[in-house]
Amino acid sequence: MLATGEEPSRFRWYMEMLKDDITPSVGFGIGVQRQAMFVCGFEAV
């Protein structure tokens, strides 16, 4: 934030939300359903 000139206090609510309310994840967001649609040739999964 400091590198881009943003004021950290403006985003304090967001940082608190990340720290307290969101469960950790492994970042598995490759779109498994979208990939299955592509591989199987389906229009919807």
C-alpha atoms as a PDB file:
ATOM      1  CA  MET A   1       0.000   0.000   0.000  1.00  0.00           C
ATOM      2  CA  LEU A   2       2.746   2.392   0.876  1.00  0.00           C
ATOM      3  CA  ALA A   3       4.549   1.692  -2.403  1.00  0.00           C
ATOM      4  CA  THR A   4       1.480   2.799  -4.365  1.00  0.00           C
ATOM      5  CA  GLY A   5       0.818   5.834  -2.182  1.00  0.00           C
ATOM      6  CA  GLU A   6      -2.318   4.459  -0.524  1.00  0.00           C
ATOM      7  CA  GLU A   7      -3.179   5.338   3.047  1.00  0.00           C
ATOM      8  CA  PRO A   8      -3.228   2.093   5.094  1.00  0.00           C
ATOM      9  CA  SER A   9      -5.808   3.457   7.548  1.00  0.00           C
ATOM     10  CA  ARG A  10      -8.382   3.579   4.719  1.00  0.00           C
ATOM     11  CA  PHE A  11      -8.117  -0.201   4.376  1.00  0.00           C
ATOM     12  CA  ARG A  12      -7.972  -1.128   8.053  1.00  0.00           C
ATOM     13  CA  TRP A  13     -11.486  -2.636   7.905  1.00  0.00           C
ATOM     14  CA  TYR A  14     -10.406  -4.905   5.065  1.00  0.00           C
ATOM     15  CA  MET A  15      -7.244  -6.040   6.822  1.00  0.00           C
ATOM     16  CA  GLU A  16      -9.236  -6.795   9.992  1.00  0.00           C
ATOM     17  CA  MET A  17     -11.760  -8.781   7.959  1.00  0.00           C
ATOM     18  CA  LEU A  18      -8.990 -10.853   6.391  1.00  0.00           C
ATOM     19  CA  LYS A  19      -7.393 -11.487   9.756  1.00  0.00           C
ATOM     20  CA  ASP A  20     -10.565 -12.394  11.656  1.00  0.00           C
ATOM     21  CA  ASP A  21     -13.374 -13.491   9.377  1.00  0.00           C
ATOM     22  CA  ILE A  22     -12.035 -15.366   6.361  1.00  0.00           C
ATOM     23  CA  THR A  23     -10.883 -18.929   6.745  1.00  0.00           C
ATOM     24  CA  PRO A  24      -7.532 -19.848   5.230  1.00  0.00           C
ATOM     25  CA  SER A  25      -7.561 -21.496   1.837  1.00  0.00           C
ATOM     26  CA  VAL A  26      -5.038 -23.133  -0.426  1.00  0.00           C
ATOM     27  CA  GLY A  27      -5.919 -20.877  -3.339  1.00  0.00           C
ATOM     28  CA  PHE A  28      -7.377 -23.650  -5.496  1.00  0.00           C
ATOM     29  CA  GLY A  29      -9.277 -21.426  -7.890  1.00  0.00           C
ATOM     30  CA  ILE A  30      -8.559 -22.774 -11.358  1.00  0.00           C
ATOM     31  CA  GLY A  31     -12.217 -23.170 -12.230  1.00  0.00           C
ATOM     32  CA  VAL A  32     -12.661 -26.916 -11.972  1.00  0.00           C
ATOM     33  CA  GLN A  33     -16.236 -26.720 -13.251  1.00  0.00           C
ATOM     34  CA  ARG A  34     -15.195 -24.607 -16.215  1.00  0.00           C
ATOM     35  CA  GLN A  35     -12.351 -26.984 -16.993  1.00  0.00           C
ATOM     36  CA  ALA A  36     -14.695 -29.991 -16.772  1.00  0.00           C
ATOM     37  CA  MET A  37     -17.095 -28.286 -19.202  1.00  0.00           C
ATOM     38  CA  PHE A  38     -14.233 -27.773 -21.644  1.00  0.00           C
ATOM     39  CA  VAL A  39     -12.830 -31.293 -21.354  1.00  0.00           C
ATOM     40  CA  CYS A  40     -16.219 -33.034 -21.559  1.00  0.00           C
ATOM     41  CA  GLY A  41     -17.677 -30.715 -24.179  1.00  0.00           C
ATOM     42  CA  PHE A  42     -20.650 -29.808 -21.998  1.00  0.00           C
ATOM     43  CA  GLU A  43     -22.416 -26.459 -22.137  1.00  0.00           C
ATOM     44  CA  ALA A  44     -23.134 -26.529 -18.401  1.00  0.00           C
ATOM     45  CA  VAL A  45     -22.011 -28.567 -15.413  1.00  0.00           C
END
